[in-house]
Amino acid sequence: MDNNGPAYHEMMELHEILNFKTLCLVKSKMMSGLVFDQDLKALMEKDVKQTTAAIQDLQSVYKPNGGIVH
């Protein structure tokens, strides 16, 4: 068995995590427009920044055609 890249199930799990993080980002961005409490708004903006960074990290590893970007 070739051990140069992730297994199929690992790529599927990474894909699911990436989709979940993207959904969370969209929800946080949408909800932050409805928030009037400044502390909560700041927390949500921090979440958006952290989630964006996490998505970029995941995208740097994930390659949809089944490989790892080296």
N, C-alpha and C. Protein backbone atom coordinates (compact mmCIF):
# COMPACT_ATOMS: atom_id res chain seq x y z
N MET A 1 0.84 -1.19 0.00
CA MET A 1 0.00 0.00 0.00
C MET A 1 0.88 1.24 0.00
N ASP A 2 0.53 2.20 -0.81
CA ASP A 2 1.28 3.45 -0.92
C ASP A 2 1.05 4.30 0.33
N ASN A 3 2.12 4.74 0.95
CA ASN A 3 2.02 5.49 2.19
C ASN A 3 2.49 6.93 2.01
N ASN A 4 2.39 7.46 0.80
CA ASN A 4 2.86 8.82 0.52
C ASN A 4 1.85 9.90 0.86
N GLY A 5 0.62 9.55 1.00
CA GLY A 5 -0.42 10.54 1.27
C GLY A 5 -1.46 9.99 2.22
N PRO A 6 -2.46 10.80 2.49
CA PRO A 6 -3.50 10.36 3.42
C PRO A 6 -4.40 9.31 2.78
N ALA A 7 -4.99 8.51 3.62
CA ALA A 7 -5.94 7.51 3.16
C ALA A 7 -7.24 8.21 2.75
N TYR A 8 -8.05 7.48 1.99
CA TYR A 8 -9.31 8.04 1.50
C TYR A 8 -10.18 8.53 2.65
N HIS A 9 -10.30 7.73 3.72
CA HIS A 9 -11.16 8.14 4.83
C HIS A 9 -10.63 9.38 5.54
N GLU A 10 -9.32 9.56 5.54
CA GLU A 10 -8.74 10.76 6.14
C GLU A 10 -9.08 12.00 5.32
N MET A 11 -9.05 11.86 4.01
CA MET A 11 -9.41 12.98 3.15
C MET A 11 -10.89 13.31 3.29
N MET A 12 -11.72 12.29 3.45
CA MET A 12 -13.16 12.53 3.64
C MET A 12 -13.41 13.25 4.96
N GLU A 13 -12.71 12.86 6.02
CA GLU A 13 -12.86 13.52 7.31
C GLU A 13 -12.39 14.97 7.24
N LEU A 14 -11.29 15.19 6.56
CA LEU A 14 -10.78 16.56 6.40
C LEU A 14 -11.78 17.40 5.61
N HIS A 15 -12.38 16.81 4.59
CA HIS A 15 -13.40 17.50 3.80
C HIS A 15 -14.60 17.87 4.67
N GLU A 16 -15.04 16.94 5.53
CA GLU A 16 -16.17 17.21 6.42
C GLU A 16 -15.84 18.32 7.41
N ILE A 17 -14.63 18.32 7.94
CA ILE A 17 -14.22 19.37 8.88
C ILE A 17 -14.19 20.72 8.17
N LEU A 18 -13.67 20.74 6.97
CA LEU A 18 -13.60 21.98 6.20
C LEU A 18 -15.00 22.52 5.91
N ASN A 19 -15.92 21.64 5.55
CA ASN A 19 -17.30 22.07 5.32
C ASN A 19 -17.94 22.61 6.59
N PHE A 20 -17.71 21.93 7.71
CA PHE A 20 -18.28 22.37 8.98
C PHE A 20 -17.73 23.74 9.39
N LYS A 21 -16.43 23.92 9.26
CA LYS A 21 -15.82 25.20 9.61
C LYS A 21 -16.35 26.33 8.72
N THR A 22 -16.54 26.03 7.44
CA THR A 22 -17.07 27.03 6.52
C THR A 22 -18.50 27.42 6.92
N LEU A 23 -19.30 26.44 7.27
CA LEU A 23 -20.67 26.71 7.71
C LEU A 23 -20.67 27.56 8.98
N CYS A 24 -19.79 27.25 9.92
CA CYS A 24 -19.69 28.03 11.15
C CYS A 24 -19.28 29.47 10.86
N LEU A 25 -18.38 29.65 9.91
CA LEU A 25 -17.93 30.99 9.54
C LEU A 25 -19.09 31.80 8.97
N VAL A 26 -19.84 31.21 8.07
CA VAL A 26 -20.98 31.90 7.47
C VAL A 26 -22.00 32.28 8.54
N LYS A 27 -22.28 31.36 9.45
CA LYS A 27 -23.25 31.62 10.50
C LYS A 27 -22.77 32.74 11.43
N SER A 28 -21.51 32.73 11.80
CA SER A 28 -20.97 33.78 12.68
C SER A 28 -21.02 35.14 12.00
N LYS A 29 -20.68 35.18 10.72
CA LYS A 29 -20.73 36.45 9.99
C LYS A 29 -22.16 36.98 9.90
N MET A 30 -23.10 36.10 9.64
CA MET A 30 -24.50 36.52 9.54
C MET A 30 -25.04 36.98 10.89
N MET A 31 -24.74 36.25 11.93
CA MET A 31 -25.28 36.57 13.25
C MET A 31 -24.63 37.83 13.84
N SER A 32 -23.39 38.11 13.48
CA SER A 32 -22.73 39.29 14.04
C SER A 32 -23.42 40.58 13.60
N GLY A 33 -24.10 40.54 12.48
CA GLY A 33 -24.85 41.71 12.04
C GLY A 33 -26.11 41.95 12.85
N LEU A 34 -26.56 40.96 13.59
CA LEU A 34 -27.78 41.08 14.38
C LEU A 34 -27.52 41.36 15.85
N VAL A 35 -26.26 41.38 16.25
CA VAL A 35 -25.89 41.52 17.65
C VAL A 35 -25.68 42.99 18.00
N PHE A 36 -26.24 43.41 19.13
CA PHE A 36 -26.10 44.79 19.58
C PHE A 36 -25.15 44.91 20.77
N ASP A 37 -24.96 43.84 21.51
CA ASP A 37 -24.05 43.85 22.65
C ASP A 37 -22.61 43.87 22.13
N GLN A 38 -21.85 44.86 22.55
CA GLN A 38 -20.50 45.04 22.01
C GLN A 38 -19.54 43.93 22.41
N ASP A 39 -19.69 43.40 23.63
CA ASP A 39 -18.83 42.30 24.06
C ASP A 39 -19.09 41.05 23.22
N LEU A 40 -20.35 40.75 23.00
CA LEU A 40 -20.70 39.59 22.18
C LEU A 40 -20.26 39.79 20.74
N LYS A 41 -20.42 41.01 20.24
CA LYS A 41 -20.00 41.32 18.87
C LYS A 41 -18.48 41.13 18.72
N ALA A 42 -17.72 41.59 19.71
CA ALA A 42 -16.26 41.42 19.68
C ALA A 42 -15.88 39.95 19.72
N LEU A 43 -16.59 39.17 20.53
CA LEU A 43 -16.33 37.74 20.61
C LEU A 43 -16.62 37.06 19.27
N MET A 44 -17.71 37.46 18.64
CA MET A 44 -18.07 36.86 17.35
C MET A 44 -17.07 37.26 16.26
N GLU A 45 -16.59 38.51 16.30
CA GLU A 45 -15.59 38.94 15.32
C GLU A 45 -14.28 38.18 15.52
N LYS A 46 -13.93 37.92 16.78
CA LYS A 46 -12.74 37.11 17.07
C LYS A 46 -12.93 35.69 16.53
N ASP A 47 -14.12 35.14 16.71
CA ASP A 47 -14.43 33.81 16.19
C ASP A 47 -14.29 33.78 14.67
N VAL A 48 -14.76 34.82 14.00
CA VAL A 48 -14.65 34.89 12.53
C VAL A 48 -13.18 34.87 12.11
N LYS A 49 -12.35 35.65 12.80
CA LYS A 49 -10.92 35.69 12.46
C LYS A 49 -10.26 34.33 12.69
N GLN A 50 -10.56 33.71 13.83
CA GLN A 50 -9.96 32.41 14.14
C GLN A 50 -10.44 31.33 13.18
N THR A 51 -11.71 31.36 12.85
CA THR A 51 -12.26 30.36 11.93
C THR A 51 -11.68 30.54 10.54
N THR A 52 -11.52 31.79 10.11
CA THR A 52 -10.91 32.06 8.81
C THR A 52 -9.49 31.51 8.76
N ALA A 53 -8.73 31.72 9.83
CA ALA A 53 -7.36 31.19 9.89
C ALA A 53 -7.37 29.67 9.87
N ALA A 54 -8.30 29.05 10.58
CA ALA A 54 -8.39 27.59 10.61
C ALA A 54 -8.73 27.04 9.23
N ILE A 55 -9.64 27.71 8.53
CA ILE A 55 -10.01 27.27 7.18
C ILE A 55 -8.82 27.38 6.24
N GLN A 56 -8.07 28.46 6.35
CA GLN A 56 -6.88 28.61 5.50
C GLN A 56 -5.86 27.52 5.79
N ASP A 57 -5.69 27.17 7.06
CA ASP A 57 -4.77 26.08 7.41
C ASP A 57 -5.24 24.76 6.82
N LEU A 58 -6.53 24.49 6.94
CA LEU A 58 -7.07 23.24 6.39
C LEU A 58 -6.95 23.21 4.87
N GLN A 59 -7.19 24.35 4.23
CA GLN A 59 -7.10 24.40 2.77
C GLN A 59 -5.66 24.21 2.30
N SER A 60 -4.70 24.59 3.12
CA SER A 60 -3.31 24.40 2.72
C SER A 60 -2.92 22.93 2.72
N VAL A 61 -3.68 22.11 3.43
CA VAL A 61 -3.42 20.67 3.49
C VAL A 61 -4.32 19.90 2.53
N TYR A 62 -5.56 20.35 2.42
CA TYR A 62 -6.56 19.61 1.65
C TYR A 62 -6.42 19.88 0.16
N LYS A 63 -6.49 18.81 -0.60
CA LYS A 63 -6.49 18.91 -2.05
C LYS A 63 -7.57 17.96 -2.54
N PRO A 64 -8.64 18.48 -3.15
CA PRO A 64 -9.81 17.65 -3.47
C PRO A 64 -9.53 16.42 -4.33
N ASN A 65 -8.50 16.41 -5.13
CA ASN A 65 -8.28 15.25 -5.99
C ASN A 65 -7.53 14.13 -5.28
N GLY A 66 -7.42 14.21 -3.96
CA GLY A 66 -6.93 13.07 -3.20
C GLY A 66 -5.49 13.11 -2.77
N GLY A 67 -4.89 14.27 -2.71
CA GLY A 67 -3.50 14.32 -2.31
C GLY A 67 -3.23 15.41 -1.30
N ILE A 68 -2.02 15.46 -0.87
CA ILE A 68 -1.57 16.49 0.05
C ILE A 68 -0.73 17.48 -0.76
N VAL A 69 -0.92 18.74 -0.47
CA VAL A 69 -0.11 19.76 -1.12
C VAL A 69 1.23 19.81 -0.40
N HIS A 70 2.31 19.62 -1.13
CA HIS A 70 3.65 19.62 -0.52
C HIS A 70 4.32 20.94 -0.74
